[in-house]
C-alpha atoms as a PDB file:
ATOM      1  CA  MET A   1     -28.451 -79.663 -62.462  1.00  0.00           C
ATOM      2  CA  ALA A   2     -25.325 -81.798 -61.999  1.00  0.00           C
ATOM      3  CA  ARG A   3     -21.937 -80.284 -61.098  1.00  0.00           C
ATOM      4  CA  SER A   4     -19.100 -81.209 -63.355  1.00  0.00           C
ATOM      5  CA  GLU A   5     -15.389 -81.506 -62.491  1.00  0.00           C
ATOM      6  CA  CYS A   6     -14.599 -78.129 -64.042  1.00  0.00           C
ATOM      7  CA  ASP A   7     -17.087 -76.365 -61.718  1.00  0.00           C
ATOM      8  CA  VAL A   8     -15.040 -77.240 -58.605  1.00  0.00           C
ATOM      9  CA  ILE A   9     -12.690 -74.477 -57.444  1.00  0.00           C
ATOM     10  CA  ASP A  10      -9.206 -75.540 -56.362  1.00  0.00           C
ATOM     11  CA  PHE A  11      -8.516 -73.001 -53.627  1.00  0.00           C
ATOM     12  CA  SER A  12      -4.912 -74.096 -53.053  1.00  0.00           C
ATOM     13  CA  ALA A  13      -4.088 -73.551 -56.740  1.00  0.00           C
ATOM     14  CA  LEU A  14      -5.903 -70.225 -56.625  1.00  0.00           C
ATOM     15  CA  GLU A  15      -3.872 -69.205 -53.548  1.00  0.00           C
ATOM     16  CA  ARG A  16      -0.583 -70.168 -55.269  1.00  0.00           C
ATOM     17  CA  GLU A  17      -1.565 -68.171 -58.336  1.00  0.00           C
ATOM     18  CA  LEU A  18      -2.442 -65.161 -56.187  1.00  0.00           C
ATOM     19  CA  GLN A  19       0.858 -65.369 -54.264  1.00  0.00           C
ATOM     20  CA  GLY A  20       2.754 -65.546 -57.561  1.00  0.00           C
ATOM     21  CA  ALA A  21       0.910 -62.514 -58.902  1.00  0.00           C
ATOM     22  CA  VAL A  22       1.541 -60.522 -55.706  1.00  0.00           C
ATOM     23  CA  GLU A  23       5.257 -61.365 -55.751  1.00  0.00           C
ATOM     24  CA  SER A  24       5.464 -60.480 -59.433  1.00  0.00           C
ATOM     25  CA  GLU A  25       3.867 -57.091 -58.737  1.00  0.00           C
ATOM     26  CA  ARG A  26       6.260 -56.455 -55.829  1.00  0.00           C
ATOM     27  CA  ARG A  27       9.235 -57.301 -58.047  1.00  0.00           C
ATOM     28  CA  HIS A  28       7.968 -55.011 -60.796  1.00  0.00           C
ATOM     29  CA  GLN A  29       7.492 -52.139 -58.333  1.00  0.00           C
ATOM     30  CA  ARG A  30      10.936 -52.698 -56.767  1.00  0.00           C
ATOM     31  CA  GLU A  31      12.630 -52.727 -60.185  1.00  0.00           C
ATOM     32  CA  ASN A  32      10.725 -49.664 -61.339  1.00  0.00           C
ATOM     33  CA  ASP A  33      11.744 -47.749 -58.201  1.00  0.00           C
ATOM     34  CA  ALA A  34      15.361 -48.796 -58.762  1.00  0.00           C
ATOM     35  CA  LYS A  35      15.196 -47.585 -62.365  1.00  0.00           C
ATOM     36  CA  LEU A  36      13.859 -44.212 -61.291  1.00  0.00           C
ATOM     37  CA  ARG A  37      16.602 -43.880 -58.652  1.00  0.00           C
ATOM     38  CA  ALA A  38      19.264 -44.868 -61.187  1.00  0.00           C
ATOM     39  CA  ILE A  39      18.002 -42.340 -63.736  1.00  0.00           C
ATOM     40  CA  SER A  40      18.066 -39.576 -61.135  1.00  0.00           C
ATOM     41  CA  GLN A  41      21.801 -40.223 -60.643  1.00  0.00           C
ATOM     42  CA  ARG A  42      23.078 -38.295 -63.619  1.00  0.00           C
ATOM     43  CA  GLY A  43      26.259 -39.394 -65.324  1.00  0.00           C
ATOM     44  CA  SER A  44      26.015 -43.063 -64.506  1.00  0.00           C
ATOM     45  CA  SER A  45      26.774 -45.537 -67.267  1.00  0.00           C
ATOM     46  CA  TYR A  46      24.457 -48.243 -68.499  1.00  0.00           C
ATOM     47  CA  SER A  47      26.406 -50.898 -66.610  1.00  0.00           C
ATOM     48  CA  GLN A  48      25.887 -48.982 -63.336  1.00  0.00           C
ATOM     49  CA  PHE A  49      22.197 -48.573 -64.172  1.00  0.00           C
ATOM     50  CA  ARG A  50      21.897 -52.290 -64.902  1.00  0.00           C
ATOM     51  CA  ASP A  51      23.719 -53.233 -61.691  1.00  0.00           C
ATOM     52  CA  LEU A  52      21.400 -51.036 -59.616  1.00  0.00           C
ATOM     53  CA  VAL A  53      18.324 -52.641 -61.155  1.00  0.00           C
ATOM     54  CA  LEU A  54      19.679 -56.193 -60.823  1.00  0.00           C
ATOM     55  CA  THR A  55      20.529 -55.708 -57.153  1.00  0.00           C
ATOM     56  CA  CYS A  56      17.343 -53.908 -56.113  1.00  0.00           C
ATOM     57  CA  HIS A  57      16.113 -56.975 -54.197  1.00  0.00           C
ATOM     58  CA  LEU A  58      19.099 -56.886 -51.811  1.00  0.00           C
ATOM     59  CA  LYS A  59      18.753 -55.259 -48.411  1.00  0.00           C
ATOM     60  CA  PRO A  60      21.662 -53.860 -46.381  1.00  0.00           C
ATOM     61  CA  LEU A  61      22.814 -55.788 -43.341  1.00  0.00           C
ATOM     62  CA  GLU A  62      21.915 -54.370 -39.975  1.00  0.00           C
ATOM     63  CA  LYS A  63      24.470 -53.980 -37.221  1.00  0.00           C
ATOM     64  CA  LYS A  64      22.960 -56.876 -35.257  1.00  0.00           C
ATOM     65  CA  ASP A  65      23.458 -59.114 -38.311  1.00  0.00           C
ATOM     66  CA  LYS A  66      27.200 -58.429 -38.399  1.00  0.00           C
ATOM     67  CA  ASP A  67      28.167 -58.194 -34.714  1.00  0.00           C
ATOM     68  CA  GLY A  68      28.928 -61.439 -32.925  1.00  0.00           C
ATOM     69  CA  ALA A  69      28.151 -63.637 -35.897  1.00  0.00           C
ATOM     70  CA  PRO A  70      30.800 -66.284 -36.570  1.00  0.00           C
ATOM     71  CA  ARG A  71      32.652 -65.828 -39.820  1.00  0.00           C
ATOM     72  CA  LYS A  72      32.079 -68.579 -42.288  1.00  0.00           C
ATOM     73  CA  GLN A  73      35.055 -67.612 -44.469  1.00  0.00           C
ATOM     74  CA  PRO A  74      38.220 -66.284 -42.866  1.00  0.00           C
ATOM     75  CA  TRP A  75      39.929 -63.360 -44.539  1.00  0.00           C
ATOM     76  CA  ASN A  76      43.139 -65.314 -44.970  1.00  0.00           C
ATOM     77  CA  PRO A  77      42.593 -69.079 -44.854  1.00  0.00           C
ATOM     78  CA  VAL A  78      46.364 -69.706 -44.903  1.00  0.00           C
ATOM     79  CA  ALA A  79      47.104 -67.645 -41.778  1.00  0.00           C
ATOM     80  CA  PRO A  80      47.069 -69.507 -38.452  1.00  0.00           C
ATOM     81  CA  SER A  81      43.927 -68.947 -36.396  1.00  0.00           C
ATOM     82  CA  ASN A  82      43.935 -67.488 -32.879  1.00  0.00           C
ATOM     83  CA  GLU A  83      41.484 -70.098 -31.657  1.00  0.00           C
ATOM     84  CA  PRO A  84      42.857 -73.024 -29.581  1.00  0.00           C
END
């Protein structure tokens, strides 16, 4: 029995498809959790609900991320800097 081209499994394509499916499931779960949290906050408007769901992928900065890191954008670009 001869093997045809369609019988060969492309494992790299299969891996990419699996990674896409896993990421899609993670996104769905993250958004669903954000929706449930937003609903539990009574009195919020639809725009607040939408903003919570749209930003559910963001994570808060840790203290080590903020301390000692050089600023890329100064607060006032017109003011003279203290650096020599």
